[in-house]
C-alpha atoms as a PDB file:
ATOM      1  CA  MET A   1      11.063 -35.602 -19.680  1.00  0.00           C
ATOM      2  CA  LEU A   2       8.983 -35.934 -16.549  1.00  0.00           C
ATOM      3  CA  SER A   3       7.280 -39.182 -15.751  1.00  0.00           C
ATOM      4  CA  SER A   4       3.559 -39.110 -15.120  1.00  0.00           C
ATOM      5  CA  PHE A   5       4.090 -39.602 -11.359  1.00  0.00           C
ATOM      6  CA  GLU A   6       6.501 -36.628 -11.207  1.00  0.00           C
ATOM      7  CA  LEU A   7       4.064 -34.507 -13.194  1.00  0.00           C
ATOM      8  CA  ILE A   8       1.193 -35.337 -10.832  1.00  0.00           C
ATOM      9  CA  LYS A   9       3.446 -34.628  -7.839  1.00  0.00           C
ATOM     10  CA  PHE A  10       4.433 -31.254  -9.340  1.00  0.00           C
ATOM     11  CA  ILE A  11       0.800 -30.281 -10.044  1.00  0.00           C
ATOM     12  CA  ALA A  12      -0.239 -31.284  -6.515  1.00  0.00           C
ATOM     13  CA  SER A  13       2.626 -29.299  -4.952  1.00  0.00           C
ATOM     14  CA  PHE A  14       1.865 -26.270  -7.092  1.00  0.00           C
ATOM     15  CA  SER A  15      -1.851 -26.472  -6.206  1.00  0.00           C
ATOM     16  CA  ILE A  16      -1.056 -26.613  -2.494  1.00  0.00           C
ATOM     17  CA  LEU A  17       1.213 -23.597  -2.875  1.00  0.00           C
ATOM     18  CA  ILE A  18      -1.516 -21.620  -4.667  1.00  0.00           C
ATOM     19  CA  VAL A  19      -4.082 -22.515  -1.971  1.00  0.00           C
ATOM     20  CA  MET A  20      -1.663 -21.468   0.789  1.00  0.00           C
ATOM     21  CA  MET A  21      -0.936 -18.138  -0.948  1.00  0.00           C
ATOM     22  CA  TYR A  22      -4.652 -17.433  -1.341  1.00  0.00           C
ATOM     23  CA  ALA A  23      -5.273 -18.304   2.331  1.00  0.00           C
ATOM     24  CA  LEU A  24      -2.517 -15.909   3.405  1.00  0.00           C
ATOM     25  CA  TYR A  25      -3.923 -13.173   1.144  1.00  0.00           C
ATOM     26  CA  TYR A  26      -7.433 -13.703   2.554  1.00  0.00           C
ATOM     27  CA  TYR A  27      -6.165 -13.691   6.172  1.00  0.00           C
ATOM     28  CA  LEU A  28      -4.139 -10.485   5.705  1.00  0.00           C
ATOM     29  CA  ASN A  29      -7.095  -8.702   4.103  1.00  0.00           C
ATOM     30  CA  ARG A  30      -9.366  -9.727   6.971  1.00  0.00           C
ATOM     31  CA  LEU A  31      -6.762  -8.608   9.513  1.00  0.00           C
ATOM     32  CA  ASN A  32      -6.393  -5.234   7.792  1.00  0.00           C
ATOM     33  CA  LYS A  33     -10.174  -4.669   7.780  1.00  0.00           C
ATOM     34  CA  ASN A  34     -10.417  -5.528  11.486  1.00  0.00           C
ATOM     35  CA  LEU A  35      -7.595  -3.135  12.367  1.00  0.00           C
ATOM     36  CA  SER A  36      -8.934  -0.232  10.319  1.00  0.00           C
ATOM     37  CA  LEU A  37     -12.510  -0.558  11.606  1.00  0.00           C
ATOM     38  CA  GLY A  38     -11.410  -0.207  15.238  1.00  0.00           C
ATOM     39  CA  GLY A  39     -11.076   3.593  15.309  1.00  0.00           C
ATOM     40  CA  LYS A  40     -14.295   5.510  14.781  1.00  0.00           C
ATOM     41  CA  ASP A  41     -13.182   8.747  16.448  1.00  0.00           C
ATOM     42  CA  ILE A  42     -11.041   9.903  13.511  1.00  0.00           C
ATOM     43  CA  GLN A  43     -12.435  10.355   9.994  1.00  0.00           C
ATOM     44  CA  ILE A  44     -10.545  11.764   7.007  1.00  0.00           C
ATOM     45  CA  LEU A  45     -13.203  13.733   5.142  1.00  0.00           C
ATOM     46  CA  GLU A  46     -11.162  15.069   2.238  1.00  0.00           C
ATOM     47  CA  THR A  47      -7.588  15.375   1.013  1.00  0.00           C
ATOM     48  CA  LYS A  48      -6.292  17.695  -1.719  1.00  0.00           C
ATOM     49  CA  ILE A  49      -2.859  17.510  -3.319  1.00  0.00           C
ATOM     50  CA  LEU A  50      -1.383  21.002  -3.744  1.00  0.00           C
ATOM     51  CA  GLY A  51       1.935  20.069  -5.301  1.00  0.00           C
ATOM     52  CA  LYS A  52       4.933  17.842  -4.883  1.00  0.00           C
ATOM     53  CA  ASN A  53       4.938  16.627  -1.248  1.00  0.00           C
ATOM     54  CA  ARG A  54       2.283  19.200  -0.274  1.00  0.00           C
ATOM     55  CA  SER A  55      -1.359  18.576   0.602  1.00  0.00           C
ATOM     56  CA  ILE A  56      -4.167  19.714   2.861  1.00  0.00           C
ATOM     57  CA  CYS A  57      -6.455  17.386   4.741  1.00  0.00           C
ATOM     58  CA  LEU A  58      -9.846  17.917   6.366  1.00  0.00           C
ATOM     59  CA  ALA A  59     -10.497  15.534   9.252  1.00  0.00           C
ATOM     60  CA  LYS A  60     -13.086  15.091  11.981  1.00  0.00           C
ATOM     61  CA  VAL A  61     -11.675  14.082  15.363  1.00  0.00           C
ATOM     62  CA  LYS A  62     -14.318  13.386  18.049  1.00  0.00           C
ATOM     63  CA  GLY A  63     -16.725  15.945  16.553  1.00  0.00           C
ATOM     64  CA  VAL A  64     -14.079  18.642  15.986  1.00  0.00           C
ATOM     65  CA  LEU A  65     -13.265  19.556  12.368  1.00  0.00           C
ATOM     66  CA  MET A  66      -9.567  20.111  11.748  1.00  0.00           C
ATOM     67  CA  LEU A  67      -7.714  21.358   8.672  1.00  0.00           C
ATOM     68  CA  PHE A  68      -4.137  20.095   8.362  1.00  0.00           C
ATOM     69  CA  ALA A  69      -1.258  21.091   6.085  1.00  0.00           C
ATOM     70  CA  CYS A  70       1.165  18.304   5.182  1.00  0.00           C
ATOM     71  CA  ASP A  71       4.600  18.965   3.659  1.00  0.00           C
ATOM     72  CA  GLU A  72       8.233  17.892   3.941  1.00  0.00           C
ATOM     73  CA  SER A  73       8.623  19.515   7.354  1.00  0.00           C
ATOM     74  CA  GLY A  74       5.648  17.691   8.899  1.00  0.00           C
ATOM     75  CA  ILE A  75       1.962  18.169   9.682  1.00  0.00           C
ATOM     76  CA  LYS A  76       0.528  21.444  10.983  1.00  0.00           C
ATOM     77  CA  VAL A  77      -2.996  22.286  12.175  1.00  0.00           C
ATOM     78  CA  LEU A  78      -4.255  25.257  10.135  1.00  0.00           C
ATOM     79  CA  LYS A  79      -7.751  25.618  11.575  1.00  0.00           C
ATOM     80  CA  GLU A  80      -9.921  23.880  14.122  1.00  0.00           C
ATOM     81  CA  TRP A  81     -13.652  24.371  14.731  1.00  0.00           C
ATOM     82  CA  GLU A  82     -16.597  22.612  16.372  1.00  0.00           C
ATOM     83  CA  GLU A  83     -19.008  20.810  14.085  1.00  0.00           C
ATOM     84  CA  ASP A  84     -22.479  22.395  13.793  1.00  0.00           C
ATOM     85  CA  GLY A  85     -25.483  20.372  14.721  1.00  0.00           C
END
């Protein structure tokens, strides 16, 4: 059986561990948000799954709309057009 001092020491250690894990989680989320907000020239407008490992993606890159096909062999540009307006 644990003595009361060992129990308090265990609870304190466990609490510090939980606080450190939460701080790491918070820091990584903030870092991810800062990295993803950096690029405003590329926007993924829509993605549709067509089947296993196959999809199409509509993206806007610096005002140009692009339709991509994604499959096992890679990514191909299907169509590209200037945005109206």
